[in-house]
């Protein structure tokens, strides 16, 4: 329990941010899973659309401060590489 008004406010802010961070991360993971499913099905058009949606969500997570920009860049790079291997296969 918070002992001061400022500590109580900090606890409220922290909880609000925790909920937002969790929602954003869950959305990113859900979109990543949808993209990987599209890849395994072999449907290139669906995979491209899923990658576009995933990339957008990751970029928004970076803007919100939920993900680090280098983490996002690494994830986008790895997943887009998997799409290019689908094209050659």
PDB file of N, CA and C in Angstrom:
ATOM      1  N   UNK A   1       0.846  -1.184   0.000  1.00  0.00           N
ATOM      2  CA  UNK A   1       0.000   0.000   0.000  1.00  0.00           C
ATOM      3  C   UNK A   1       0.890   1.245   0.000  1.00  0.00           C
ATOM      4  N   UNK A   2       0.482   2.241  -0.747  1.00  0.00           N
ATOM      5  CA  UNK A   2       1.268   3.467  -0.854  1.00  0.00           C
ATOM      6  C   UNK A   2       1.130   4.294   0.419  1.00  0.00           C
ATOM      7  N   UNK A   3       2.218   4.912   0.828  1.00  0.00           N
ATOM      8  CA  UNK A   3       2.218   5.714   2.049  1.00  0.00           C
ATOM      9  C   UNK A   3       1.956   7.193   1.791  1.00  0.00           C
ATOM     10  N   UNK A   4       2.199   7.643   0.585  1.00  0.00           N
ATOM     11  CA  UNK A   4       2.020   9.064   0.279  1.00  0.00           C
ATOM     12  C   UNK A   4       1.137   9.214  -0.957  1.00  0.00           C
ATOM     13  N   UNK A   5       0.655  10.436  -1.159  1.00  0.00           N
ATOM     14  CA  UNK A   5      -0.185  10.694  -2.334  1.00  0.00           C
ATOM     15  C   UNK A   5       0.601  10.477  -3.627  1.00  0.00           C
ATOM     16  N   UNK A   6       1.850  10.894  -3.620  1.00  0.00           N
ATOM     17  CA  UNK A   6       2.655  10.731  -4.833  1.00  0.00           C
ATOM     18  C   UNK A   6       2.931   9.248  -5.117  1.00  0.00           C
ATOM     19  N   UNK A   7       3.098   8.464  -4.072  1.00  0.00           N
ATOM     20  CA  UNK A   7       3.321   7.030  -4.265  1.00  0.00           C
ATOM     21  C   UNK A   7       2.051   6.361  -4.780  1.00  0.00           C
ATOM     22  N   UNK A   8       0.905   6.820  -4.310  1.00  0.00           N
ATOM     23  CA  UNK A   8      -0.366   6.271  -4.786  1.00  0.00           C
ATOM     24  C   UNK A   8      -0.556   6.591  -6.266  1.00  0.00           C
ATOM     25  N   UNK A   9      -0.221   7.823  -6.635  1.00  0.00           N
ATOM     26  CA  UNK A   9      -0.333   8.214  -8.042  1.00  0.00           C
ATOM     27  C   UNK A   9       0.637   7.396  -8.895  1.00  0.00           C
ATOM     28  N   UNK A  10       1.852   7.217  -8.409  1.00  0.00           N
ATOM     29  CA  UNK A  10       2.839   6.438  -9.149  1.00  0.00           C
ATOM     30  C   UNK A  10       2.359   5.001  -9.328  1.00  0.00           C
ATOM     31  N   UNK A  11       1.691   4.465  -8.325  1.00  0.00           N
ATOM     32  CA  UNK A  11       1.164   3.103  -8.427  1.00  0.00           C
ATOM     33  C   UNK A  11       0.064   3.026  -9.484  1.00  0.00           C
ATOM     34  N   UNK A  12      -0.781   4.051  -9.552  1.00  0.00           N
ATOM     35  CA  UNK A  12      -1.846   4.069 -10.562  1.00  0.00           C
ATOM     36  C   UNK A  12      -1.263   4.166 -11.968  1.00  0.00           C
ATOM     37  N   UNK A  13      -0.287   5.034 -12.123  1.00  0.00           N
ATOM     38  CA  UNK A  13       0.354   5.217 -13.429  1.00  0.00           C
ATOM     39  C   UNK A  13       1.053   3.926 -13.851  1.00  0.00           C
ATOM     40  N   UNK A  14       1.730   3.295 -12.913  1.00  0.00           N
ATOM     41  CA  UNK A  14       2.442   2.063 -13.197  1.00  0.00           C
ATOM     42  C   UNK A  14       1.478   0.967 -13.644  1.00  0.00           C
ATOM     43  N   UNK A  15       0.344   0.873 -12.981  1.00  0.00           N
ATOM     44  CA  UNK A  15      -0.655  -0.130 -13.356  1.00  0.00           C
ATOM     45  C   UNK A  15      -1.229   0.148 -14.740  1.00  0.00           C
ATOM     46  N   UNK A  16      -1.493   1.415 -15.032  1.00  0.00           N
ATOM     47  CA  UNK A  16      -2.019   1.791 -16.338  1.00  0.00           C
ATOM     48  C   UNK A  16      -1.012   1.430 -17.444  1.00  0.00           C
ATOM     49  N   UNK A  17       0.241   1.727 -17.203  1.00  0.00           N
ATOM     50  CA  UNK A  17       1.278   1.415 -18.193  1.00  0.00           C
ATOM     51  C   UNK A  17       1.465  -0.087 -18.353  1.00  0.00           C
ATOM     52  N   UNK A  18       1.372  -0.823 -17.249  1.00  0.00           N
ATOM     53  CA  UNK A  18       1.520  -2.277 -17.293  1.00  0.00           C
ATOM     54  C   UNK A  18       0.431  -2.886 -18.175  1.00  0.00           C
ATOM     55  N   UNK A  19      -0.794  -2.418 -17.989  1.00  0.00           N
ATOM     56  CA  UNK A  19      -1.906  -2.937 -18.790  1.00  0.00           C
ATOM     57  C   UNK A  19      -1.729  -2.604 -20.272  1.00  0.00           C
ATOM     58  N   UNK A  20      -1.301  -1.379 -20.564  1.00  0.00           N
ATOM     59  CA  UNK A  20      -1.084  -0.999 -21.959  1.00  0.00           C
ATOM     60  C   UNK A  20       0.040  -1.828 -22.575  1.00  0.00           C
ATOM     61  N   UNK A  21       1.147  -1.974 -21.861  1.00  0.00           N
ATOM     62  CA  UNK A  21       2.275  -2.751 -22.368  1.00  0.00           C
ATOM     63  C   UNK A  21       1.866  -4.189 -22.646  1.00  0.00           C
ATOM     64  N   UNK A  22       1.092  -4.755 -21.736  1.00  0.00           N
ATOM     65  CA  UNK A  22       0.671  -6.144 -21.899  1.00  0.00           C
ATOM     66  C   UNK A  22      -0.235  -6.291 -23.119  1.00  0.00           C
ATOM     67  N   UNK A  23      -1.145  -5.351 -23.301  1.00  0.00           N
ATOM     68  CA  UNK A  23      -2.049  -5.413 -24.445  1.00  0.00           C
ATOM     69  C   UNK A  23      -1.280  -5.292 -25.755  1.00  0.00           C
ATOM     70  N   UNK A  24      -0.326  -4.383 -25.798  1.00  0.00           N
ATOM     71  CA  UNK A  24       0.453  -4.180 -27.023  1.00  0.00           C
ATOM     72  C   UNK A  24       1.290  -5.413 -27.337  1.00  0.00           C
ATOM     73  N   UNK A  25       1.948  -5.971 -26.329  1.00  0.00           N
ATOM     74  CA  UNK A  25       2.779  -7.153 -26.550  1.00  0.00           C
ATOM     75  C   UNK A  25       1.945  -8.349 -26.985  1.00  0.00           C
ATOM     76  N   UNK A  26       0.762  -8.485 -26.403  1.00  0.00           N
ATOM     77  CA  UNK A  26      -0.122  -9.577 -26.779  1.00  0.00           C
ATOM     78  C   UNK A  26      -0.538  -9.439 -28.239  1.00  0.00           C
ATOM     79  N   UNK A  27      -0.859  -8.223 -28.647  1.00  0.00           N
ATOM     80  CA  UNK A  27      -1.256  -7.985 -30.037  1.00  0.00           C
ATOM     81  C   UNK A  27      -0.111  -8.320 -30.994  1.00  0.00           C
ATOM     82  N   UNK A  28       1.092  -7.917 -30.638  1.00  0.00           N
ATOM     83  CA  UNK A  28       2.252  -8.188 -31.491  1.00  0.00           C
ATOM     84  C   UNK A  28       2.476  -9.700 -31.606  1.00  0.00           C
ATOM     85  N   UNK A  29       2.387 -10.417 -30.490  1.00  0.00           N
ATOM     86  CA  UNK A  29       2.586 -11.865 -30.527  1.00  0.00           C
ATOM     87  C   UNK A  29       1.499 -12.562 -31.350  1.00  0.00           C
ATOM     88  N   UNK A  30       0.257 -12.078 -31.229  1.00  0.00           N
ATOM     89  CA  UNK A  30      -0.850 -12.668 -31.981  1.00  0.00           C
ATOM     90  C   UNK A  30      -0.633 -12.477 -33.483  1.00  0.00           C
ATOM     91  N   UNK A  31      -0.191 -11.290 -33.878  1.00  0.00           N
ATOM     92  CA  UNK A  31       0.060 -11.019 -35.301  1.00  0.00           C
ATOM     93  C   UNK A  31       1.253 -11.816 -35.815  1.00  0.00           C
ATOM     94  N   UNK A  32       2.260 -12.005 -34.961  1.00  0.00           N
ATOM     95  CA  UNK A  32       3.412 -12.802 -35.362  1.00  0.00           C
ATOM     96  C   UNK A  32       2.981 -14.251 -35.592  1.00  0.00           C
ATOM     97  N   UNK A  33       2.148 -14.756 -34.716  1.00  0.00           N
ATOM     98  CA  UNK A  33       1.673 -16.126 -34.861  1.00  0.00           C
ATOM     99  C   UNK A  33       0.851 -16.285 -36.144  1.00  0.00           C
ATOM    100  N   UNK A  34       0.013 -15.295 -36.456  1.00  0.00           N
ATOM    101  CA  UNK A  34      -0.789 -15.346 -37.676  1.00  0.00           C
ATOM    102  C   UNK A  34       0.119 -15.340 -38.907  1.00  0.00           C
ATOM    103  N   UNK A  35       1.181 -14.555 -38.861  1.00  0.00           N
ATOM    104  CA  UNK A  35       2.135 -14.498 -39.974  1.00  0.00           C
ATOM    105  C   UNK A  35       2.829 -15.842 -40.158  1.00  0.00           C
ATOM    106  N   UNK A  36       3.262 -16.443 -39.067  1.00  0.00           N
ATOM    107  CA  UNK A  36       3.947 -17.728 -39.162  1.00  0.00           C
ATOM    108  C   UNK A  36       3.009 -18.815 -39.676  1.00  0.00           C
ATOM    109  N   UNK A  37       1.742 -18.745 -39.306  1.00  0.00           N
ATOM    110  CA  UNK A  37       0.769 -19.701 -39.836  1.00  0.00           C
ATOM    111  C   UNK A  37       0.598 -19.518 -41.342  1.00  0.00           C
ATOM    112  N   UNK A  38       0.551 -18.270 -41.775  1.00  0.00           N
ATOM    113  CA  UNK A  38       0.426 -18.003 -43.207  1.00  0.00           C
ATOM    114  C   UNK A  38       1.650 -18.520 -43.961  1.00  0.00           C
ATOM    115  N   UNK A  39       2.817 -18.402 -43.345  1.00  0.00           N
ATOM    116  CA  UNK A  39       4.042 -18.916 -43.975  1.00  0.00           C
ATOM    117  C   UNK A  39       3.988 -20.430 -44.121  1.00  0.00           C
ATOM    118  N   UNK A  40       3.572 -21.102 -43.061  1.00  0.00           N
ATOM    119  CA  UNK A  40       3.556 -22.568 -43.108  1.00  0.00           C
ATOM    120  C   UNK A  40       2.499 -23.087 -44.071  1.00  0.00           C
ATOM    121  N   UNK A  41       1.444 -22.318 -44.275  1.00  0.00           N
ATOM    122  CA  UNK A  41       0.427 -22.745 -45.235  1.00  0.00           C
ATOM    123  C   UNK A  41       0.921 -22.592 -46.668  1.00  0.00           C
ATOM    124  N   UNK A  42       1.928 -21.735 -46.871  1.00  0.00           N
ATOM    125  CA  UNK A  42       2.504 -21.552 -48.201  1.00  0.00           C
ATOM    126  C   UNK A  42       1.801 -20.492 -49.031  1.00  0.00           C
ATOM    127  N   UNK A  43       0.853 -19.786 -48.440  1.00  0.00           N
ATOM    128  CA  UNK A  43       0.115 -18.747 -49.169  1.00  0.00           C
ATOM    129  C   UNK A  43       0.907 -17.443 -49.107  1.00  0.00           C
ATOM    130  N   UNK A  44       1.572 -17.107 -50.202  1.00  0.00           N
ATOM    131  CA  UNK A  44       2.454 -15.931 -50.214  1.00  0.00           C
ATOM    132  C   UNK A  44       1.690 -14.633 -50.014  1.00  0.00           C
ATOM    133  N   UNK A  45       0.536 -14.492 -50.654  1.00  0.00           N
ATOM    134  CA  UNK A  45      -0.231 -13.252 -50.542  1.00  0.00           C
ATOM    135  C   UNK A  45      -0.697 -13.015 -49.097  1.00  0.00           C
ATOM    136  N   UNK A  46      -1.194 -14.061 -48.461  1.00  0.00           N
ATOM    137  CA  UNK A  46      -1.635 -13.951 -47.066  1.00  0.00           C
ATOM    138  C   UNK A  46      -0.446 -13.656 -46.153  1.00  0.00           C
ATOM    139  N   UNK A  47       0.686 -14.258 -46.450  1.00  0.00           N
ATOM    140  CA  UNK A  47       1.883 -14.032 -45.638  1.00  0.00           C
ATOM    141  C   UNK A  47       2.355 -12.582 -45.766  1.00  0.00           C
ATOM    142  N   UNK A  48       2.299 -12.024 -46.977  1.00  0.00           N
ATOM    143  CA  UNK A  48       2.709 -10.629 -47.166  1.00  0.00           C
ATOM    144  C   UNK A  48       1.798  -9.677 -46.400  1.00  0.00           C
ATOM    145  N   UNK A  49       0.496  -9.949 -46.444  1.00  0.00           N
ATOM    146  CA  UNK A  49      -0.448  -9.101 -45.700  1.00  0.00           C
ATOM    147  C   UNK A  49      -0.222  -9.225 -44.197  1.00  0.00           C
ATOM    148  N   UNK A  50       0.020 -10.447 -43.738  1.00  0.00           N
ATOM    149  CA  UNK A  50       0.258 -10.667 -42.309  1.00  0.00           C
ATOM    150  C   UNK A  50       1.555  -9.990 -41.867  1.00  0.00           C
ATOM    151  N   UNK A  51       2.565 -10.031 -42.722  1.00  0.00           N
ATOM    152  CA  UNK A  51       3.829  -9.368 -42.393  1.00  0.00           C
ATOM    153  C   UNK A  51       3.642  -7.858 -42.318  1.00  0.00           C
ATOM    154  N   UNK A  52       2.838  -7.315 -43.227  1.00  0.00           N
ATOM    155  CA  UNK A  52       2.572  -5.875 -43.207  1.00  0.00           C
ATOM    156  C   UNK A  52       1.864  -5.472 -41.906  1.00  0.00           C
ATOM    157  N   UNK A  53       0.881  -6.266 -41.490  1.00  0.00           N
ATOM    158  CA  UNK A  53       0.157  -5.979 -40.249  1.00  0.00           C
ATOM    159  C   UNK A  53       1.079  -6.105 -39.046  1.00  0.00           C
ATOM    160  N   UNK A  54       1.928  -7.137 -39.052  1.00  0.00           N
ATOM    161  CA  UNK A  54       2.873  -7.336 -37.954  1.00  0.00           C
ATOM    162  C   UNK A  54       3.869  -6.182 -37.863  1.00  0.00           C
ATOM    163  N   UNK A  55       4.407  -5.776 -39.008  1.00  0.00           N
ATOM    164  CA  UNK A  55       5.373  -4.681 -39.039  1.00  0.00           C
ATOM    165  C   UNK A  55       4.762  -3.394 -38.500  1.00  0.00           C
ATOM    166  N   UNK A  56       3.531  -3.124 -38.890  1.00  0.00           N
ATOM    167  CA  UNK A  56       2.842  -1.936 -38.412  1.00  0.00           C
ATOM    168  C   UNK A  56       2.661  -1.974 -36.900  1.00  0.00           C
ATOM    169  N   UNK A  57       2.254  -3.119 -36.379  1.00  0.00           N
ATOM    170  CA  UNK A  57       2.040  -3.251 -34.935  1.00  0.00           C
ATOM    171  C   UNK A  57       3.347  -3.091 -34.165  1.00  0.00           C
ATOM    172  N   UNK A  58       4.423  -3.645 -34.700  1.00  0.00           N
ATOM    173  CA  UNK A  58       5.723  -3.539 -34.032  1.00  0.00           C
ATOM    174  C   UNK A  58       6.199  -2.085 -34.028  1.00  0.00           C
ATOM    175  N   UNK A  59       6.012  -1.401 -35.152  1.00  0.00           N
ATOM    176  CA  UNK A  59       6.423   0.002 -35.217  1.00  0.00           C
ATOM    177  C   UNK A  59       5.624   0.853 -34.237  1.00  0.00           C
ATOM    178  N   UNK A  60       4.332   0.560 -34.085  1.00  0.00           N
ATOM    179  CA  UNK A  60       3.517   1.292 -33.114  1.00  0.00           C
ATOM    180  C   UNK A  60       3.956   0.982 -31.685  1.00  0.00           C
ATOM    181  N   UNK A  61       4.360  -0.250 -31.434  1.00  0.00           N
ATOM    182  CA  UNK A  61       4.850  -0.617 -30.106  1.00  0.00           C
ATOM    183  C   UNK A  61       6.142   0.134 -29.784  1.00  0.00           C
ATOM    184  N   UNK A  62       6.972   0.342 -30.788  1.00  0.00           N
ATOM    185  CA  UNK A  62       8.204   1.113 -30.593  1.00  0.00           C
ATOM    186  C   UNK A  62       7.858   2.565 -30.276  1.00  0.00           C
ATOM    187  N   UNK A  63       6.911   3.131 -31.016  1.00  0.00           N
ATOM    188  CA  UNK A  63       6.498   4.516 -30.767  1.00  0.00           C
ATOM    189  C   UNK A  63       5.947   4.686 -29.362  1.00  0.00           C
ATOM    190  N   UNK A  64       5.224   3.680 -28.885  1.00  0.00           N
ATOM    191  CA  UNK A  64       4.630   3.754 -27.553  1.00  0.00           C
ATOM    192  C   UNK A  64       5.661   3.491 -26.459  1.00  0.00           C
ATOM    193  N   UNK A  65       6.848   3.033 -26.844  1.00  0.00           N
ATOM    194  CA  UNK A  65       7.884   2.776 -25.856  1.00  0.00           C
ATOM    195  C   UNK A  65       7.784   1.396 -25.240  1.00  0.00           C
ATOM    196  N   UNK A  66       7.004   0.526 -25.842  1.00  0.00           N
ATOM    197  CA  UNK A  66       6.837  -0.820 -25.302  1.00  0.00           C
ATOM    198  C   UNK A  66       7.991  -1.714 -25.732  1.00  0.00           C
ATOM    199  N   UNK A  67       8.445  -1.564 -26.966  1.00  0.00           N
ATOM    200  CA  UNK A  67       9.574  -2.329 -27.479  1.00  0.00           C
ATOM    201  C   UNK A  67      10.721  -1.387 -27.830  1.00  0.00           C
ATOM    202  N   UNK A  68      11.920  -1.899 -27.730  1.00  0.00           N
ATOM    203  CA  UNK A  68      13.097  -1.143 -28.151  1.00  0.00           C
ATOM    204  C   UNK A  68      13.192  -1.213 -29.670  1.00  0.00           C
ATOM    205  N   UNK A  69      13.646  -0.144 -30.282  1.00  0.00           N
ATOM    206  CA  UNK A  69      13.661  -0.086 -31.746  1.00  0.00           C
ATOM    207  C   UNK A  69      14.571  -1.137 -32.360  1.00  0.00           C
ATOM    208  N   UNK A  70      15.642  -1.488 -31.693  1.00  0.00           N
ATOM    209  CA  UNK A  70      16.532  -2.506 -32.251  1.00  0.00           C
ATOM    210  C   UNK A  70      15.919  -3.898 -32.133  1.00  0.00           C
ATOM    211  N   UNK A  71      15.192  -4.144 -31.070  1.00  0.00           N
ATOM    212  CA  UNK A  71      14.476  -5.409 -30.933  1.00  0.00           C
ATOM    213  C   UNK A  71      13.460  -5.545 -32.062  1.00  0.00           C
ATOM    214  N   UNK A  72      12.753  -4.461 -32.341  1.00  0.00           N
ATOM    215  CA  UNK A  72      11.754  -4.463 -33.402  1.00  0.00           C
ATOM    216  C   UNK A  72      12.417  -4.672 -34.763  1.00  0.00           C
ATOM    217  N   UNK A  73      13.511  -3.997 -35.004  1.00  0.00           N
ATOM    218  CA  UNK A  73      14.202  -4.121 -36.283  1.00  0.00           C
ATOM    219  C   UNK A  73      14.697  -5.544 -36.492  1.00  0.00           C
ATOM    220  N   UNK A  74      15.220  -6.143 -35.446  1.00  0.00           N
ATOM    221  CA  UNK A  74      15.719  -7.513 -35.534  1.00  0.00           C
ATOM    222  C   UNK A  74      14.582  -8.489 -35.844  1.00  0.00           C
ATOM    223  N   UNK A  75      13.461  -8.317 -35.164  1.00  0.00           N
ATOM    224  CA  UNK A  75      12.319  -9.206 -35.383  1.00  0.00           C
ATOM    225  C   UNK A  75      11.764  -9.048 -36.794  1.00  0.00           C
ATOM    226  N   UNK A  76      11.618  -7.812 -37.243  1.00  0.00           N
ATOM    227  CA  UNK A  76      11.103  -7.580 -38.597  1.00  0.00           C
ATOM    228  C   UNK A  76      12.043  -8.170 -39.642  1.00  0.00           C
ATOM    229  N   UNK A  77      13.335  -8.022 -39.434  1.00  0.00           N
ATOM    230  CA  UNK A  77      14.312  -8.536 -40.376  1.00  0.00           C
ATOM    231  C   UNK A  77      14.244 -10.061 -40.474  1.00  0.00           C
ATOM    232  N   UNK A  78      14.171 -10.709 -39.327  1.00  0.00           N
ATOM    233  CA  UNK A  78      14.141 -12.168 -39.319  1.00  0.00           C
ATOM    234  C   UNK A  78      12.878 -12.703 -39.987  1.00  0.00           C
ATOM    235  N   UNK A  79      11.766 -12.057 -39.726  1.00  0.00           N
ATOM    236  CA  UNK A  79      10.522 -12.547 -40.300  1.00  0.00           C
ATOM    237  C   UNK A  79      10.429 -12.256 -41.798  1.00  0.00           C
ATOM    238  N   UNK A  80      10.945 -11.112 -42.226  1.00  0.00           N
ATOM    239  CA  UNK A  80      10.913 -10.818 -43.656  1.00  0.00           C
ATOM    240  C   UNK A  80      11.864 -11.744 -44.414  1.00  0.00           C
ATOM    241  N   UNK A  81      12.944 -12.161 -43.772  1.00  0.00           N
ATOM    242  CA  UNK A  81      13.855 -13.119 -44.394  1.00  0.00           C
ATOM    243  C   UNK A  81      13.147 -14.447 -44.623  1.00  0.00           C
ATOM    244  N   UNK A  82      12.302 -14.834 -43.685  1.00  0.00           N
ATOM    245  CA  UNK A  82      11.561 -16.087 -43.842  1.00  0.00           C
ATOM    246  C   UNK A  82      10.591 -15.996 -45.015  1.00  0.00           C
ATOM    247  N   UNK A  83      10.065 -14.813 -45.269  1.00  0.00           N
ATOM    248  CA  UNK A  83       9.173 -14.644 -46.421  1.00  0.00           C
ATOM    249  C   UNK A  83       9.952 -14.808 -47.721  1.00  0.00           C
ATOM    250  N   UNK A  84      11.164 -14.272 -47.759  1.00  0.00           N
ATOM    251  CA  UNK A  84      11.955 -14.386 -48.985  1.00  0.00           C
ATOM    252  C   UNK A  84      12.373 -15.831 -49.226  1.00  0.00           C
ATOM    253  N   UNK A  85      12.573 -16.617 -48.173  1.00  0.00           N
ATOM    254  CA  UNK A  85      12.913 -18.027 -48.376  1.00  0.00           C
ATOM    255  C   UNK A  85      11.703 -18.799 -48.905  1.00  0.00           C
ATOM    256  N   UNK A  86      10.501 -18.340 -48.541  1.00  0.00           N
ATOM    257  CA  UNK A  86       9.278 -18.962 -49.082  1.00  0.00           C
ATOM    258  C   UNK A  86       9.201 -18.744 -50.587  1.00  0.00           C
ATOM    259  N   UNK A  87       9.646 -17.576 -51.036  1.00  0.00           N
ATOM    260  CA  UNK A  87       9.592 -17.251 -52.459  1.00  0.00           C
ATOM    261  C   UNK A  87      10.553 -18.138 -53.261  1.00  0.00           C
ATOM    262  N   UNK A  88      11.702 -18.438 -52.691  1.00  0.00           N
ATOM    263  CA  UNK A  88      12.686 -19.243 -53.412  1.00  0.00           C
ATOM    264  C   UNK A  88      12.371 -20.729 -53.346  1.00  0.00           C
ATOM    265  N   UNK A  89      11.630 -21.137 -52.337  1.00  0.00           N
ATOM    266  CA  UNK A  89      11.326 -22.576 -52.167  1.00  0.00           C
ATOM    267  C   UNK A  89      10.305 -23.066 -53.169  1.00  0.00           C
TER     268      UNK A  89
END
